[in-house]
Amino acid sequence: MRVVESSHLYKPQSRHFAGISHRRPSFRFPSRTIAKAVFCLLGIFLLLAPLAAHAQTDEIQVYDATIAPPGTFNLMLHSNFTPEGRTTPAYPGAIIANHSVNGGLEWAYGVTPWLEQGLYLPIYTAYSKGRGGSIDGLKVRELFVRPHAQQHKLFWGSNFEFSFNYHYWESRTFSAEVRPIIGANLGKWELMYNPVVDTDYRGGLGGLQFNPESRIVYSLNHKWDVAAEEYDGFGAFNDFSPLHDQFHEVWGDFDHFGQTWDIEAGAGYGLTAGSDKWTLKFMISRDLNKKPWRPHL
């Protein structure tokens, strides 16, 4: 969940996984099955819909609809450092962004070519002013995508996340996000847009928070990419925040795809008073099994 008054407002890396080929056999998209699942989760989300209170984030990453192959477990470590950020808490008792280090372990499992399930555990703060280290909560997610997205000029998907938070991490114990994924593969260029909507189950539909993210990638070769990103937080749909209180950051990143490990790292610069001036991110991921594993039911 991402919000404007707190420390980090995004959620963002290209979801490439070590050991995964970007060229896979063609697959007929199960449109009815995935559509029913997506609309069911979206309906639940909107029925519960509400107003978000702005907290930090463990994940600075724009999704590109790439998921783990069926039967494959993947682990990604997210780590973020704010060398120059906001010096006051977003709400009483909240973690202060300035000089903080936080992140999370993201465990993922490829269920089908169009569905990946994930668990963020733990979400942590390694250091924050006046608090030191802490465990901040956990998240579960369901990620639906167009199968084998990297083989298509146009790709799409939708991610649903449900969070349990300690009060110093977010002002509400339970929160959620819906993250549509829209993108295009244009030769060496890749474009992606995530019009993220966040909620903490207060405020009705108008209280939903609009926090879009975007990414432009240029492929140098099969091992290296460079990218530009933007993370924004406008506030609730029924009452956008004044510009100086909104969250707007621009980022420069690189991706490295290795034999065993994939890495994304970058630096972000805040454009408004409601953003952190400088933030650094580092993500490293790998597949945990070579032979696909399926539960015996």
Protein backbone atom coordinates (compact mmCIF):
# COMPACT_ATOMS: atom_id res chain seq x y z
CA MET A 1 0.00 0.00 0.00
CA ARG A 2 1.33 3.41 -0.84
CA VAL A 3 0.31 6.74 0.45
CA VAL A 4 1.21 10.33 0.23
CA GLU A 5 1.91 11.58 3.69
CA SER A 6 4.24 8.87 4.77
CA SER A 7 7.70 7.81 3.94
CA HIS A 8 7.83 5.85 0.71
CA LEU A 9 5.01 6.09 -1.69
CA TYR A 10 5.40 3.54 -4.30
CA LYS A 11 5.59 0.00 -4.90
CA PRO A 12 7.48 -0.61 -7.81
CA GLN A 13 11.16 -3.55 -10.35
CA SER A 14 10.41 -5.16 -13.42
CA ARG A 15 9.30 -8.62 -12.41
CA HIS A 16 11.98 -10.68 -14.19
CA PHE A 17 13.14 -13.82 -12.43
CA ALA A 18 16.50 -15.52 -12.51
CA GLY A 19 16.54 -18.73 -14.45
CA ILE A 20 13.37 -17.95 -16.39
CA SER A 21 13.53 -17.90 -20.17
CA HIS A 22 11.72 -14.98 -21.77
CA ARG A 23 10.83 -17.18 -24.74
CA ARG A 24 8.34 -19.87 -23.87
CA PRO A 25 5.87 -22.02 -25.80
CA SER A 26 2.67 -20.35 -26.91
CA PHE A 27 -0.36 -20.79 -24.67
CA ARG A 28 -4.01 -20.09 -25.30
CA PHE A 29 -5.10 -17.49 -22.78
CA PRO A 30 -7.85 -18.83 -20.46
CA SER A 31 -9.89 -15.65 -20.80
CA ARG A 32 -13.07 -16.81 -19.08
CA THR A 33 -11.29 -18.36 -16.10
CA ILE A 34 -8.98 -15.44 -15.44
CA ALA A 35 -11.70 -12.86 -16.10
CA LYS A 36 -13.99 -14.49 -13.53
CA ALA A 37 -11.20 -14.60 -10.95
CA VAL A 38 -10.13 -10.99 -11.54
CA PHE A 39 -13.66 -9.59 -11.47
CA CYS A 40 -14.48 -11.61 -8.34
CA LEU A 41 -11.50 -10.15 -6.47
CA LEU A 42 -12.17 -6.69 -7.86
CA GLY A 43 -15.77 -6.90 -6.68
CA ILE A 44 -14.69 -7.87 -3.16
CA PHE A 45 -12.19 -5.01 -3.15
CA LEU A 46 -14.73 -2.41 -4.24
CA LEU A 47 -17.35 -3.61 -1.78
CA LEU A 48 -14.86 -3.07 1.01
CA ALA A 49 -13.48 0.07 -0.56
CA PRO A 50 -12.22 2.99 1.57
CA LEU A 51 -9.72 5.76 2.47
CA ALA A 52 -6.05 5.04 2.82
CA ALA A 53 -3.74 6.54 5.40
CA HIS A 54 -0.36 7.22 3.99
CA ALA A 55 2.32 4.86 5.07
CA GLN A 56 5.67 3.57 3.89
CA THR A 57 6.36 0.79 1.46
CA ASP A 58 8.60 -2.22 1.44
CA GLU A 59 8.56 -2.59 -2.37
CA ILE A 60 9.59 -0.03 -5.01
CA GLN A 61 8.69 -1.81 -8.21
CA VAL A 62 6.67 -1.39 -11.40
CA TYR A 63 5.11 -4.68 -12.48
CA ASP A 64 5.62 -5.96 -16.04
CA ALA A 65 3.41 -9.11 -16.04
CA THR A 66 6.34 -11.55 -15.92
CA ILE A 67 5.72 -14.33 -13.39
CA ALA A 68 7.40 -17.53 -12.20
CA PRO A 69 6.73 -20.59 -14.41
CA PRO A 70 4.21 -23.15 -13.09
CA GLY A 71 5.66 -25.17 -10.23
CA THR A 72 8.55 -22.76 -9.60
CA PHE A 73 9.28 -21.04 -6.28
CA ASN A 74 11.04 -17.67 -6.39
CA LEU A 75 12.49 -15.48 -3.65
CA MET A 76 13.15 -11.75 -3.95
CA LEU A 77 14.79 -9.52 -1.34
CA HIS A 78 13.66 -5.89 -1.38
CA SER A 79 15.87 -3.34 0.38
CA ASN A 80 15.36 0.45 0.43
CA PHE A 81 17.42 3.24 2.00
CA THR A 82 16.36 6.89 2.34
CA PRO A 83 19.54 8.99 2.80
CA GLU A 84 17.51 12.23 2.64
CA GLY A 85 13.80 12.04 3.32
CA ARG A 86 10.93 13.46 5.31
CA THR A 87 11.88 14.16 8.92
CA THR A 88 8.41 14.14 10.49
CA PRO A 89 6.13 11.11 10.85
CA ALA A 90 3.07 10.81 8.59
CA TYR A 91 0.92 10.29 11.70
CA PRO A 92 1.66 9.97 15.45
CA GLY A 93 3.91 6.98 16.08
CA ALA A 94 4.78 6.34 12.42
CA ILE A 95 8.27 5.39 11.28
CA ILE A 96 10.25 8.43 10.09
CA ALA A 97 11.49 8.13 6.52
CA ASN A 98 14.74 10.10 6.85
CA HIS A 99 17.75 7.73 7.08
CA SER A 100 15.47 4.68 7.35
CA VAL A 101 16.26 1.25 5.89
CA ASN A 102 13.37 -1.09 5.13
CA GLY A 103 12.24 -3.84 2.79
CA GLY A 104 10.88 -7.35 2.76
CA LEU A 105 11.24 -10.93 1.59
CA GLU A 106 8.86 -11.76 -1.27
CA TRP A 107 8.09 -15.46 -1.72
CA ALA A 108 6.37 -16.35 -5.00
CA TYR A 109 4.99 -19.54 -6.57
CA GLY A 110 3.89 -20.02 -10.18
CA VAL A 111 0.48 -21.70 -10.07
CA THR A 112 -0.40 -21.57 -13.79
CA PRO A 113 0.97 -19.65 -16.80
CA TRP A 114 -1.49 -16.87 -15.86
CA LEU A 115 -1.45 -16.91 -12.02
CA GLU A 116 1.26 -16.36 -9.43
CA GLN A 117 0.70 -16.35 -5.68
CA GLY A 118 2.95 -14.41 -3.35
CA LEU A 119 3.71 -13.80 0.32
CA TYR A 120 5.74 -10.91 1.76
CA LEU A 121 7.17 -12.17 5.03
CA PRO A 122 8.66 -10.49 6.86
CA ILE A 123 8.17 -6.85 5.96
CA TYR A 124 10.86 -5.17 8.03
CA THR A 125 12.59 -1.96 9.02
CA ALA A 126 16.28 -2.53 9.66
CA TYR A 127 16.71 0.99 11.05
CA SER A 128 14.64 4.12 11.67
CA LYS A 129 15.27 7.14 13.87
CA GLY A 130 14.28 6.57 17.49
CA ARG A 131 13.10 3.02 16.84
CA GLY A 132 15.91 0.89 15.47
CA GLY A 133 14.78 -2.31 13.78
CA SER A 134 11.26 -3.77 13.67
CA ILE A 135 8.99 -6.30 12.00
CA ASP A 136 6.31 -4.26 10.24
CA GLY A 137 3.74 -6.73 8.92
CA LEU A 138 3.01 -9.11 6.06
CA LYS A 139 1.17 -9.21 2.71
CA VAL A 140 -0.41 -11.85 0.51
CA ARG A 141 -1.04 -11.34 -3.20
CA GLU A 142 -2.71 -12.87 -6.24
CA LEU A 143 -1.16 -11.84 -9.57
CA PHE A 144 -3.09 -12.53 -12.80
CA VAL A 145 -1.31 -11.90 -16.13
CA ARG A 146 -1.38 -12.56 -19.85
CA PRO A 147 0.70 -15.76 -20.14
CA HIS A 148 4.25 -15.39 -21.46
CA ALA A 149 3.99 -11.60 -21.51
CA GLN A 150 7.48 -11.08 -22.95
CA GLN A 151 6.45 -12.86 -26.15
CA HIS A 152 3.69 -10.36 -26.95
CA LYS A 153 3.78 -6.75 -28.12
CA LEU A 154 0.98 -5.93 -25.69
CA PHE A 155 0.70 -7.42 -22.21
CA TRP A 156 -1.57 -6.89 -19.25
CA GLY A 157 -2.50 -8.21 -15.84
CA SER A 158 -3.84 -7.30 -12.42
CA ASN A 159 -2.37 -7.74 -8.95
CA PHE A 160 -4.38 -7.90 -5.71
CA GLU A 161 -2.60 -7.45 -2.38
CA PHE A 162 -3.93 -7.70 1.15
CA SER A 163 -1.81 -6.43 4.04
CA PHE A 164 -1.59 -6.82 7.81
CA ASN A 165 0.32 -3.88 9.33
CA TYR A 166 1.68 -2.81 12.68
CA HIS A 167 0.59 0.71 13.60
CA TYR A 168 4.05 2.26 13.21
CA TRP A 169 4.14 1.01 9.59
CA GLU A 170 0.64 2.08 8.52
CA SER A 171 -2.11 3.85 10.41
CA ARG A 172 -4.58 1.00 9.81
CA THR A 173 -4.10 -2.67 10.63
CA PHE A 174 -5.58 -3.91 7.35
CA SER A 175 -5.06 -2.40 3.89
CA ALA A 176 -5.11 -3.53 0.25
CA GLU A 177 -4.24 -2.57 -3.31
CA VAL A 178 -5.43 -3.30 -6.83
CA ARG A 179 -2.68 -2.89 -9.42
CA PRO A 180 -3.70 -3.07 -13.10
CA ILE A 181 -0.75 -3.78 -15.41
CA ILE A 182 -0.58 -2.42 -18.95
CA GLY A 183 2.50 -2.62 -21.16
CA ALA A 184 4.08 -2.90 -24.59
CA ASN A 185 7.22 -4.59 -25.94
CA LEU A 186 8.67 -2.46 -28.75
CA GLY A 187 11.91 -4.12 -29.78
CA LYS A 188 14.63 -2.93 -27.42
CA TRP A 189 12.11 -0.69 -25.64
CA GLU A 190 9.51 -1.75 -23.09
CA LEU A 191 6.76 0.50 -21.69
CA MET A 192 4.63 -0.29 -18.65
CA TYR A 193 2.03 1.52 -16.58
CA ASN A 194 0.47 0.49 -13.25
CA PRO A 195 -2.52 2.73 -12.29
CA VAL A 196 -2.46 1.54 -8.66
CA VAL A 197 -5.45 2.04 -6.35
CA ASP A 198 -4.94 1.64 -2.58
CA THR A 199 -7.39 1.38 0.30
CA ASP A 200 -7.56 0.92 4.06
CA TYR A 201 -11.30 0.15 4.02
CA ARG A 202 -12.53 3.62 4.95
CA GLY A 203 -14.15 6.44 2.98
CA GLY A 204 -16.10 4.57 0.32
CA LEU A 205 -15.20 4.56 -3.37
CA GLY A 206 -14.26 8.25 -3.32
CA GLY A 207 -11.73 7.57 -0.57
CA LEU A 208 -9.66 5.20 -2.72
CA GLN A 209 -6.11 6.47 -3.17
CA PHE A 210 -4.68 6.90 -6.69
CA ASN A 211 -0.94 6.07 -6.79
CA PRO A 212 0.11 5.36 -10.41
CA GLU A 213 3.54 4.08 -11.45
CA SER A 214 5.26 3.95 -14.84
CA ARG A 215 8.48 2.58 -16.34
CA ILE A 216 10.40 2.88 -19.62
CA VAL A 217 13.08 0.24 -20.23
CA TYR A 218 15.85 0.07 -22.83
CA SER A 219 17.58 -3.29 -23.34
CA LEU A 220 21.36 -2.96 -23.77
CA ASN A 221 21.76 -6.72 -24.29
CA HIS A 222 20.36 -9.98 -22.89
CA LYS A 223 22.01 -9.32 -19.51
CA TRP A 224 21.56 -5.58 -18.93
CA ASP A 225 18.69 -3.07 -19.06
CA VAL A 226 18.49 0.58 -18.09
CA ALA A 227 15.21 2.21 -17.08
CA ALA A 228 13.47 5.44 -16.07
CA GLU A 229 10.57 5.30 -13.61
CA GLU A 230 8.03 7.62 -12.03
CA TYR A 231 6.01 7.04 -8.86
CA ASP A 232 3.10 9.32 -8.03
CA GLY A 233 0.59 9.72 -5.22
CA PHE A 234 -2.30 12.09 -5.84
CA GLY A 235 -4.42 11.31 -2.78
CA ALA A 236 -8.06 10.24 -2.57
CA PHE A 237 -10.21 10.36 -5.71
CA ASN A 238 -12.76 12.58 -3.96
CA ASP A 239 -10.16 15.06 -2.73
CA PHE A 240 -6.76 15.14 -4.45
CA SER A 241 -4.04 16.59 -2.23
CA PRO A 242 -2.52 20.02 -2.97
CA LEU A 243 0.42 19.68 -5.37
CA HIS A 244 3.09 20.35 -2.74
CA ASP A 245 1.66 17.57 -0.55
CA GLN A 246 1.43 15.04 -3.38
CA PHE A 247 4.06 12.35 -3.86
CA HIS A 248 6.09 12.54 -7.08
CA GLU A 249 9.46 10.84 -7.57
CA VAL A 250 11.53 10.11 -10.70
CA TRP A 251 13.99 7.22 -10.80
CA GLY A 252 16.95 5.92 -12.78
CA ASP A 253 17.48 2.14 -12.60
CA PHE A 254 19.39 -0.76 -14.06
CA ASP A 255 18.54 -4.47 -14.30
CA HIS A 256 21.04 -7.33 -14.51
CA PHE A 257 19.93 -10.84 -15.47
CA GLY A 258 22.43 -13.47 -14.34
CA GLN A 259 22.66 -17.24 -14.52
CA THR A 260 21.44 -17.62 -10.95
CA TRP A 261 20.54 -14.17 -9.63
CA ASP A 262 18.64 -11.19 -11.05
CA ILE A 263 19.35 -7.70 -9.70
CA GLU A 264 17.58 -4.36 -9.95
CA ALA A 265 18.95 -1.20 -8.34
CA GLY A 266 18.28 2.49 -8.69
CA ALA A 267 18.04 5.97 -7.19
CA GLY A 268 14.96 8.16 -6.90
CA TYR A 269 14.61 11.94 -6.55
CA GLY A 270 11.58 13.63 -5.00
CA LEU A 271 9.97 16.52 -6.88
CA THR A 272 7.63 17.79 -4.13
CA ALA A 273 7.69 18.49 -0.40
CA GLY A 274 5.47 15.44 0.07
CA SER A 275 8.20 13.17 -1.35
CA ASP A 276 11.53 11.99 0.00
CA LYS A 277 14.41 13.92 -1.56
CA TRP A 278 16.58 10.86 -2.24
CA THR A 279 15.82 7.14 -2.01
CA LEU A 280 17.91 4.14 -3.05
CA LYS A 281 16.59 0.65 -3.82
CA PHE A 282 18.18 -2.75 -4.32
CA MET A 283 16.42 -5.99 -5.27
CA ILE A 284 17.90 -9.43 -5.81
CA SER A 285 15.95 -12.54 -6.80
CA ARG A 286 16.39 -16.16 -7.81
CA ASP A 287 14.39 -19.30 -8.46
CA LEU A 288 14.56 -21.80 -5.59
CA ASN A 289 13.91 -25.02 -7.54
CA LYS A 290 14.91 -26.25 -10.99
CA LYS A 291 12.39 -29.08 -11.15
CA PRO A 292 8.75 -27.86 -11.05
CA TRP A 293 6.93 -28.83 -7.86
CA ARG A 294 3.22 -29.51 -7.63
CA PRO A 295 1.23 -30.25 -4.45
CA HIS A 296 -0.28 -33.73 -4.37
CA LEU A 297 -4.00 -33.26 -3.80
